[in-house]
Amino acid sequence: VRVSAVLTNAPYLLNLDCDHYINNSRALREAMCFMMDPLLGKKVCYVQFPQRFD
């Protein structure tokens, strides 16, 4: 899936089920190209918390 910020200026939210885990954080950054924008990229972040059963 590739998303372009040119298509919309609406907020974008990626919600993954707890069974999903992205081992390479750059993969998400490259898939959502607006995160690579020199101006907007500094206002966008990706946070991932692993599932734990302690």
N, C-alpha and C. Protein backbone atom coordinates (compact mmCIF):
# COMPACT_ATOMS: atom_id res chain seq x y z
N VAL A 1 0.85 -1.17 0.00
CA VAL A 1 0.00 0.00 0.00
C VAL A 1 0.89 1.23 0.00
N ARG A 2 0.59 2.16 -0.87
CA ARG A 2 1.35 3.42 -0.91
C ARG A 2 0.35 4.56 -0.80
N VAL A 3 0.64 5.51 0.05
CA VAL A 3 -0.27 6.62 0.30
C VAL A 3 0.42 7.91 -0.09
N SER A 4 -0.31 8.82 -0.68
CA SER A 4 0.26 10.11 -1.06
C SER A 4 -0.46 11.22 -0.33
N ALA A 5 0.29 12.14 0.26
CA ALA A 5 -0.30 13.27 0.97
C ALA A 5 -0.93 14.26 0.00
N VAL A 6 -0.62 14.12 -1.28
CA VAL A 6 -1.18 15.03 -2.28
C VAL A 6 -2.68 14.75 -2.47
N LEU A 7 -3.11 13.53 -2.20
CA LEU A 7 -4.50 13.15 -2.42
C LEU A 7 -5.44 13.80 -1.42
N THR A 8 -4.99 14.00 -0.20
CA THR A 8 -5.86 14.53 0.84
C THR A 8 -5.03 15.24 1.90
N ASN A 9 -5.66 16.15 2.61
CA ASN A 9 -4.98 16.77 3.75
C ASN A 9 -5.62 16.32 5.05
N ALA A 10 -6.43 15.27 5.00
CA ALA A 10 -7.09 14.74 6.18
C ALA A 10 -6.08 13.98 7.04
N PRO A 11 -6.34 13.85 8.34
CA PRO A 11 -5.45 13.07 9.20
C PRO A 11 -5.39 11.62 8.73
N TYR A 12 -4.26 11.02 8.90
CA TYR A 12 -4.05 9.63 8.49
C TYR A 12 -3.70 8.82 9.72
N LEU A 13 -4.39 7.70 9.91
CA LEU A 13 -4.16 6.85 11.08
C LEU A 13 -3.99 5.42 10.60
N LEU A 14 -2.91 4.80 11.00
CA LEU A 14 -2.67 3.40 10.70
C LEU A 14 -2.87 2.62 11.99
N ASN A 15 -3.81 1.70 11.97
CA ASN A 15 -4.11 0.91 13.15
C ASN A 15 -3.83 -0.55 12.83
N LEU A 16 -2.89 -1.15 13.54
CA LEU A 16 -2.56 -2.55 13.33
C LEU A 16 -3.04 -3.37 14.51
N ASP A 17 -3.49 -4.55 14.24
CA ASP A 17 -3.90 -5.49 15.27
C ASP A 17 -2.67 -5.85 16.12
N CYS A 18 -2.88 -6.30 17.33
CA CYS A 18 -1.76 -6.60 18.22
C CYS A 18 -0.89 -7.74 17.68
N ASP A 19 -1.39 -8.51 16.73
CA ASP A 19 -0.59 -9.59 16.16
C ASP A 19 0.35 -9.10 15.07
N HIS A 20 0.24 -7.85 14.66
CA HIS A 20 1.12 -7.28 13.64
C HIS A 20 2.32 -6.63 14.31
N TYR A 21 3.47 -6.81 13.72
CA TYR A 21 4.68 -6.19 14.23
C TYR A 21 5.58 -5.87 13.04
N ILE A 22 6.06 -4.66 12.96
CA ILE A 22 6.91 -4.25 11.85
C ILE A 22 8.35 -4.24 12.35
N ASN A 23 9.15 -5.15 11.82
CA ASN A 23 10.54 -5.27 12.27
C ASN A 23 11.43 -4.17 11.73
N ASN A 24 11.08 -3.61 10.59
CA ASN A 24 11.89 -2.56 9.97
C ASN A 24 11.07 -1.28 9.95
N SER A 25 11.41 -0.33 10.81
CA SER A 25 10.64 0.91 10.90
C SER A 25 10.72 1.72 9.61
N ARG A 26 11.76 1.54 8.80
CA ARG A 26 11.89 2.26 7.54
C ARG A 26 10.84 1.79 6.53
N ALA A 27 10.37 0.56 6.64
CA ALA A 27 9.37 0.05 5.71
C ALA A 27 8.09 0.88 5.80
N LEU A 28 7.67 1.20 6.99
CA LEU A 28 6.48 2.03 7.17
C LEU A 28 6.72 3.44 6.64
N ARG A 29 7.89 3.97 6.92
CA ARG A 29 8.23 5.32 6.46
C ARG A 29 8.21 5.40 4.93
N GLU A 30 8.72 4.40 4.26
CA GLU A 30 8.75 4.39 2.80
C GLU A 30 7.37 4.14 2.22
N ALA A 31 6.54 3.37 2.90
CA ALA A 31 5.19 3.09 2.39
C ALA A 31 4.31 4.33 2.44
N MET A 32 4.44 5.13 3.48
CA MET A 32 3.66 6.36 3.61
C MET A 32 4.58 7.52 3.27
N CYS A 33 4.62 7.88 2.00
CA CYS A 33 5.61 8.83 1.51
C CYS A 33 5.48 10.22 2.12
N PHE A 34 4.33 10.57 2.70
CA PHE A 34 4.24 11.90 3.32
C PHE A 34 5.13 12.00 4.55
N MET A 35 5.53 10.86 5.12
CA MET A 35 6.46 10.89 6.25
C MET A 35 7.85 11.29 5.79
N MET A 36 8.13 11.18 4.49
CA MET A 36 9.44 11.54 3.95
C MET A 36 9.48 12.98 3.47
N ASP A 37 8.35 13.69 3.52
CA ASP A 37 8.29 15.08 3.10
C ASP A 37 9.19 15.93 4.01
N PRO A 38 10.05 16.79 3.44
CA PRO A 38 10.96 17.58 4.28
C PRO A 38 10.26 18.48 5.29
N LEU A 39 9.07 18.96 4.98
CA LEU A 39 8.35 19.85 5.90
C LEU A 39 7.41 19.08 6.82
N LEU A 40 6.59 18.22 6.25
CA LEU A 40 5.60 17.48 7.05
C LEU A 40 6.23 16.34 7.84
N GLY A 41 7.30 15.77 7.33
CA GLY A 41 7.92 14.62 7.97
C GLY A 41 8.38 14.88 9.39
N LYS A 42 8.67 16.12 9.72
CA LYS A 42 9.11 16.46 11.07
C LYS A 42 7.95 16.56 12.06
N LYS A 43 6.72 16.56 11.56
CA LYS A 43 5.54 16.66 12.41
C LYS A 43 4.82 15.31 12.55
N VAL A 44 5.36 14.28 11.93
CA VAL A 44 4.72 12.96 11.90
C VAL A 44 5.65 11.97 12.58
N CYS A 45 5.07 11.05 13.34
CA CYS A 45 5.91 10.03 13.97
C CYS A 45 5.20 8.68 13.93
N TYR A 46 5.95 7.66 14.20
CA TYR A 46 5.44 6.30 14.26
C TYR A 46 5.86 5.72 15.60
N VAL A 47 4.90 5.23 16.35
CA VAL A 47 5.18 4.65 17.66
C VAL A 47 4.66 3.22 17.66
N GLN A 48 5.47 2.31 18.14
CA GLN A 48 5.08 0.90 18.18
C GLN A 48 5.38 0.34 19.56
N PHE A 49 4.40 -0.32 20.14
CA PHE A 49 4.58 -0.97 21.43
C PHE A 49 4.36 -2.47 21.24
N PRO A 50 5.34 -3.29 21.59
CA PRO A 50 5.15 -4.74 21.44
C PRO A 50 4.13 -5.27 22.43
N GLN A 51 3.48 -6.34 22.03
CA GLN A 51 2.50 -6.99 22.89
C GLN A 51 3.26 -7.81 23.93
N ARG A 52 2.89 -7.64 25.20
CA ARG A 52 3.56 -8.38 26.27
C ARG A 52 2.52 -8.98 27.20
N PHE A 53 2.83 -10.17 27.69
CA PHE A 53 1.96 -10.86 28.64
C PHE A 53 2.76 -11.14 29.91
N ASP A 54 2.97 -10.11 30.71
CA ASP A 54 3.74 -10.27 31.96
C ASP A 54 2.80 -10.47 33.13
